[in-house]
Amino acid sequence: MKIENKVALVTGAGGDLGRGMAVLFAREGARVVINDINPERARAAAEQVGSEGGTAEVDHTDLTDSRAVGGMIERILKVWGRLDILVNNAGDVRDALLVKMSDEDWDFVLDLNLKGSFFCARAAAPHMIERRYGKILNISSMAYKGNIGQVNYTSAKAGVVGLTRALGLELARYNINVNCISPGLIDTPKSATLDEKTKNFLISKTPMRRMGEIMDIARAALFLVSDDSAFVTRQVLHVSGGMEGF
C-alpha cells in the first residue's frame, strides 16, 4: 500500500493508460478522482476501481477551461480535504503533415496536452505548497523527440517535458516532486488500430522488440507518485523498451 490514504487526481483516466494508473493507485490505497470529459469512459473506469474495492470519484471538467479546472481542484479539496497526487495524463492526437495541418488541429492538441497540464498544475500548486508536499506527474510521449505527421503533438509533448523541468525547479523547495513519463509503443486498443506495417516499424525501433503493457506505465507512475521516489524530481522516464525516437 505505497500510497495509502493519498488523494490522487488522474486526468484522462477514462482512457487506457489513465485507467491503468487509476486502478493501480486504488489498489495501493489511494482515493482516486477520475477526470475524463467523456462521461461513459469515466464511469466505466470508476466502476472498475470500485469492483476491486477501491474508492473513486468521477469528474468531467474540460481541462482547457482554466476557471473550470480551478473549480475542479476546489471541489476535490472540499470533499477530500487535500490533494496529494496530480497526474496530467489527458491528451489526444490530430495527425497531419505540416502543410495540411489546420489551425484547429494545432490548437486542439496544444490546448489539451500542454495547456491543460499547465492549468491543472497551477491550480493544484498553492495547496501543495501550503502543505509542503505533493507529487505532480506529467505524461509525455516518445514523440516529444519528433515524429512525421505530428508537429502539433510533438510540440505539445516536448512542452510537457519543459513544463516538468521548470516546475520541478520552482517547486522543489516546497518538497513537491515533479516528474514525467514518456511512453513508447504500448499495447492498447488505440495502438491496435495501427496497420501492420506501421506497427512492425515501431516494434523494429524498439530494442526489446515488443510492445509495452499498460501496467508498465502504471507501475512506473506508482513509483514516481509514491515516497519511494522522494529524492527524484525533474526527471523524464522513458518507458519505451529502449526506444529513443521514431
Protein backbone atom coordinates (compact mmCIF):
# COMPACT_ATOMS: atom_id res chain seq x y z
CA MET A 1 0.00 0.00 0.00
CA LYS A 2 2.53 2.54 -1.22
CA ILE A 3 0.09 5.47 -1.40
CA GLU A 4 -2.43 4.51 1.27
CA ASN A 5 -4.97 7.27 2.03
CA LYS A 6 -3.42 9.63 -0.50
CA VAL A 7 -5.80 11.60 -2.74
CA ALA A 8 -4.88 11.33 -6.41
CA LEU A 9 -6.31 13.14 -9.41
CA VAL A 10 -5.71 11.38 -12.73
CA THR A 11 -6.79 13.35 -15.79
CA GLY A 12 -7.90 11.49 -18.89
CA ALA A 13 -8.46 8.48 -16.64
CA GLY A 14 -11.20 7.11 -18.86
CA GLY A 15 -8.53 6.26 -21.43
CA ASP A 16 -6.33 3.20 -21.45
CA LEU A 17 -3.19 4.46 -19.71
CA GLY A 18 -5.13 6.72 -17.33
CA ARG A 19 -7.43 3.91 -16.29
CA GLY A 20 -4.46 1.63 -15.67
CA MET A 21 -2.89 4.19 -13.37
CA ALA A 22 -6.16 4.91 -11.56
CA VAL A 23 -6.79 1.21 -10.90
CA LEU A 24 -3.27 0.56 -9.64
CA PHE A 25 -3.31 3.66 -7.45
CA ALA A 26 -6.56 2.47 -5.88
CA ARG A 27 -5.10 -0.99 -5.28
CA GLU A 28 -2.23 0.72 -3.48
CA GLY A 29 -4.60 2.54 -1.14
CA ALA A 30 -5.25 5.88 -2.82
CA ARG A 31 -8.60 7.62 -3.15
CA VAL A 32 -8.78 8.45 -6.84
CA VAL A 33 -10.52 11.25 -8.69
CA ILE A 34 -11.11 10.12 -12.26
CA ASN A 35 -11.26 13.04 -14.66
CA ASP A 36 -12.45 12.47 -18.20
CA ILE A 37 -14.62 14.67 -20.38
CA ASN A 38 -16.32 11.52 -21.69
CA PRO A 39 -18.89 10.51 -19.03
CA GLU A 40 -19.20 6.90 -20.16
CA ARG A 41 -15.47 6.26 -20.09
CA ALA A 42 -15.09 7.97 -16.71
CA ARG A 43 -17.94 5.95 -15.23
CA ALA A 44 -16.50 2.70 -16.58
CA ALA A 45 -13.12 3.48 -15.02
CA ALA A 46 -14.73 4.32 -11.69
CA GLU A 47 -16.72 1.09 -11.78
CA GLN A 48 -13.54 -0.88 -12.39
CA VAL A 49 -11.88 0.80 -9.42
CA GLY A 50 -14.94 0.09 -7.29
CA SER A 51 -15.11 -3.56 -8.37
CA GLU A 52 -11.65 -4.04 -6.90
CA GLY A 53 -12.62 -2.44 -3.60
CA GLY A 54 -11.14 0.99 -4.32
CA THR A 55 -12.63 4.44 -3.87
CA ALA A 56 -13.15 6.71 -6.88
CA GLU A 57 -14.95 9.92 -7.71
CA VAL A 58 -15.80 10.99 -11.26
CA ASP A 59 -15.17 14.42 -12.74
CA HIS A 60 -15.93 15.68 -16.27
CA THR A 61 -14.10 19.03 -16.22
CA ASP A 62 -12.91 20.46 -19.53
CA LEU A 63 -9.20 20.86 -18.86
CA THR A 64 -8.81 23.58 -21.48
CA ASP A 65 -11.01 25.91 -19.38
CA SER A 66 -8.88 27.49 -16.64
CA ARG A 67 -11.84 28.51 -14.45
CA ALA A 68 -13.34 25.04 -14.68
CA VAL A 69 -10.02 23.49 -13.69
CA GLY A 70 -9.85 25.79 -10.67
CA GLY A 71 -13.35 24.69 -9.70
CA MET A 72 -12.36 21.03 -10.03
CA ILE A 73 -9.46 21.45 -7.62
CA GLU A 74 -11.67 23.36 -5.17
CA ARG A 75 -14.24 20.54 -5.23
CA ILE A 76 -11.56 17.94 -4.55
CA LEU A 77 -10.28 19.92 -1.58
CA LYS A 78 -13.81 20.40 -0.25
CA VAL A 79 -14.67 16.69 -0.49
CA TRP A 80 -11.34 15.08 0.41
CA GLY A 81 -9.57 17.86 2.32
CA ARG A 82 -6.37 17.63 0.31
CA LEU A 83 -4.74 16.67 -2.97
CA ASP A 84 -1.51 14.70 -2.73
CA ILE A 85 -1.02 13.49 -6.30
CA LEU A 86 -1.74 15.07 -9.67
CA VAL A 87 -1.24 13.05 -12.85
CA ASN A 88 -1.52 15.13 -16.01
CA ASN A 89 -2.38 12.32 -18.40
CA ALA A 90 -5.17 13.73 -20.60
CA GLY A 91 -4.21 14.04 -24.24
CA ASP A 92 -5.15 13.27 -27.81
CA VAL A 93 -3.81 13.48 -31.35
CA ARG A 94 -4.91 15.05 -34.61
CA ASP A 95 -2.26 13.97 -37.05
CA ALA A 96 -1.49 15.60 -40.38
CA LEU A 97 1.53 16.63 -42.39
CA LEU A 98 2.60 20.21 -41.77
CA VAL A 99 1.18 21.71 -44.96
CA LYS A 100 -2.18 20.03 -44.33
CA MET A 101 -2.46 20.76 -40.61
CA SER A 102 -5.25 23.18 -39.76
CA ASP A 103 -5.21 25.87 -37.10
CA GLU A 104 -7.92 23.90 -35.31
CA ASP A 105 -5.80 20.72 -35.24
CA TRP A 106 -2.85 22.64 -33.82
CA ASP A 107 -4.91 24.43 -31.18
CA PHE A 108 -6.81 21.32 -30.08
CA VAL A 109 -3.67 19.27 -29.45
CA LEU A 110 -1.67 22.05 -27.77
CA ASP A 111 -4.61 23.11 -25.61
CA LEU A 112 -5.41 19.64 -24.31
CA ASN A 113 -1.94 18.14 -23.96
CA LEU A 114 0.03 21.17 -22.78
CA LYS A 115 -2.25 23.97 -21.65
CA GLY A 116 -4.45 21.55 -19.71
CA SER A 117 -1.40 20.25 -17.82
CA PHE A 118 -0.37 23.82 -17.02
CA PHE A 119 -3.87 24.74 -15.79
CA CYS A 120 -4.03 21.70 -13.50
CA ALA A 121 -0.55 22.22 -12.06
CA ARG A 122 -1.20 25.92 -11.47
CA ALA A 123 -4.48 25.20 -9.69
CA ALA A 124 -3.06 22.40 -7.52
CA ALA A 125 0.26 24.03 -6.61
CA PRO A 126 -0.94 26.54 -3.95
CA HIS A 127 -2.45 23.75 -1.86
CA MET A 128 0.64 21.56 -2.25
CA ILE A 129 2.91 24.49 -1.39
CA GLU A 130 0.89 25.21 1.75
CA ARG A 131 1.20 21.59 2.86
CA ARG A 132 4.80 21.36 1.66
CA TYR A 133 4.02 18.09 -0.01
CA GLY A 134 2.90 16.95 -3.42
CA LYS A 135 3.58 14.73 -6.42
CA ILE A 136 2.99 16.01 -9.94
CA LEU A 137 3.44 13.52 -12.76
CA ASN A 138 3.18 14.60 -16.38
CA ILE A 139 2.66 12.10 -19.19
CA SER A 140 4.56 12.91 -22.36
CA SER A 141 5.38 10.55 -25.25
CA MET A 142 8.49 9.45 -27.10
CA ALA A 143 7.01 11.59 -29.87
CA TYR A 144 8.48 14.57 -27.99
CA LYS A 145 11.70 13.83 -29.86
CA GLY A 146 9.96 14.34 -33.19
CA ASN A 147 7.65 12.37 -35.47
CA ILE A 148 6.45 12.88 -39.04
CA GLY A 149 2.83 14.00 -39.23
CA GLN A 150 2.73 15.03 -35.60
CA VAL A 151 4.22 18.51 -35.45
CA ASN A 152 1.40 19.56 -33.12
CA TYR A 153 1.66 16.51 -30.85
CA THR A 154 5.47 16.61 -30.82
CA SER A 155 5.42 20.29 -29.88
CA ALA A 156 2.89 19.67 -27.12
CA LYS A 157 4.72 16.70 -25.63
CA ALA A 158 8.08 18.48 -25.83
CA GLY A 159 6.34 21.31 -23.99
CA VAL A 160 5.24 18.85 -21.31
CA VAL A 161 8.89 17.88 -20.81
CA GLY A 162 9.84 21.54 -20.49
CA LEU A 163 6.96 22.13 -18.10
CA THR A 164 8.24 19.27 -15.95
CA ARG A 165 11.76 20.64 -15.75
CA ALA A 166 10.62 24.20 -15.00
CA LEU A 167 8.03 23.25 -12.39
CA GLY A 168 10.49 20.87 -10.78
CA LEU A 169 12.85 23.79 -10.18
CA GLU A 170 10.15 26.11 -8.88
CA LEU A 171 8.50 23.63 -6.54
CA ALA A 172 11.42 21.58 -5.20
CA ARG A 173 11.89 23.93 -2.23
CA TYR A 174 8.36 23.04 -1.11
CA ASN A 175 9.01 19.28 -1.15
CA ILE A 176 6.95 18.83 -4.32
CA ASN A 177 8.26 16.30 -6.81
CA VAL A 178 7.57 16.93 -10.49
CA ASN A 179 8.42 14.16 -12.94
CA CYS A 180 7.45 12.91 -16.37
CA ILE A 181 6.90 9.58 -18.12
CA SER A 182 7.39 9.25 -21.86
CA PRO A 183 5.77 6.03 -23.09
CA GLY A 184 6.91 4.25 -26.21
CA LEU A 185 4.70 1.84 -28.16
CA ILE A 186 2.14 0.45 -25.68
CA ASP A 187 -0.37 -2.32 -26.38
CA THR A 188 -3.71 -0.51 -26.09
CA PRO A 189 -6.96 -0.60 -28.07
CA LYS A 190 -5.80 2.58 -29.83
CA SER A 191 -2.48 1.05 -30.91
CA ALA A 192 -4.42 -1.99 -32.12
CA THR A 193 -5.89 0.21 -34.85
CA LEU A 194 -2.43 0.73 -36.41
CA ASP A 195 -1.87 -1.08 -39.67
CA GLU A 196 0.60 -3.97 -39.51
CA LYS A 197 3.30 -2.13 -41.47
CA THR A 198 3.29 0.81 -39.06
CA LYS A 199 3.12 -1.44 -36.00
CA ASN A 200 6.01 -3.60 -37.19
CA PHE A 201 8.07 -0.50 -37.97
CA LEU A 202 7.56 0.85 -34.45
CA ILE A 203 8.42 -2.51 -32.92
CA SER A 204 11.59 -2.58 -35.04
CA LYS A 205 12.56 0.78 -33.49
CA THR A 206 12.14 -0.75 -30.02
CA PRO A 207 15.27 -2.61 -28.88
CA MET A 208 13.20 -5.01 -26.77
CA ARG A 209 11.32 -5.90 -29.98
CA ARG A 210 7.88 -5.85 -28.45
CA MET A 211 5.12 -3.53 -27.33
CA GLY A 212 4.85 -2.43 -23.74
CA GLU A 213 1.87 -3.11 -21.50
CA ILE A 214 -0.46 -0.65 -19.82
CA MET A 215 0.78 -1.83 -16.43
CA ASP A 216 4.35 -0.95 -17.41
CA ILE A 217 3.25 2.68 -17.42
CA ALA A 218 1.12 2.30 -14.29
CA ARG A 219 3.93 0.73 -12.27
CA ALA A 220 6.38 3.44 -13.32
CA ALA A 221 3.79 6.04 -12.36
CA LEU A 222 3.27 4.43 -8.97
CA PHE A 223 6.97 4.71 -8.25
CA LEU A 224 7.06 8.39 -9.19
CA VAL A 225 4.00 9.36 -7.13
CA SER A 226 5.00 7.37 -4.05
CA ASP A 227 7.57 8.27 -1.44
CA ASP A 228 9.88 5.64 -2.93
CA SER A 229 10.91 8.48 -5.26
CA ALA A 230 11.17 11.17 -2.58
CA PHE A 231 14.54 12.40 -3.88
CA VAL A 232 13.63 12.17 -7.58
CA THR A 233 12.41 15.28 -9.37
CA ARG A 234 12.62 16.95 -12.82
CA GLN A 235 13.21 13.56 -14.45
CA VAL A 236 11.85 12.21 -17.75
CA LEU A 237 11.49 8.45 -17.53
CA HIS A 238 11.37 6.67 -20.89
CA VAL A 239 9.14 3.63 -20.51
CA SER A 240 9.79 2.58 -24.06
CA GLY A 241 11.67 -0.72 -24.23
CA GLY A 242 14.77 1.25 -25.18
CA MET A 243 13.15 3.23 -28.00
CA GLU A 244 14.79 6.65 -28.23
CA GLY A 245 12.71 8.15 -31.04
CA PHE A 246 10.81 7.35 -34.18
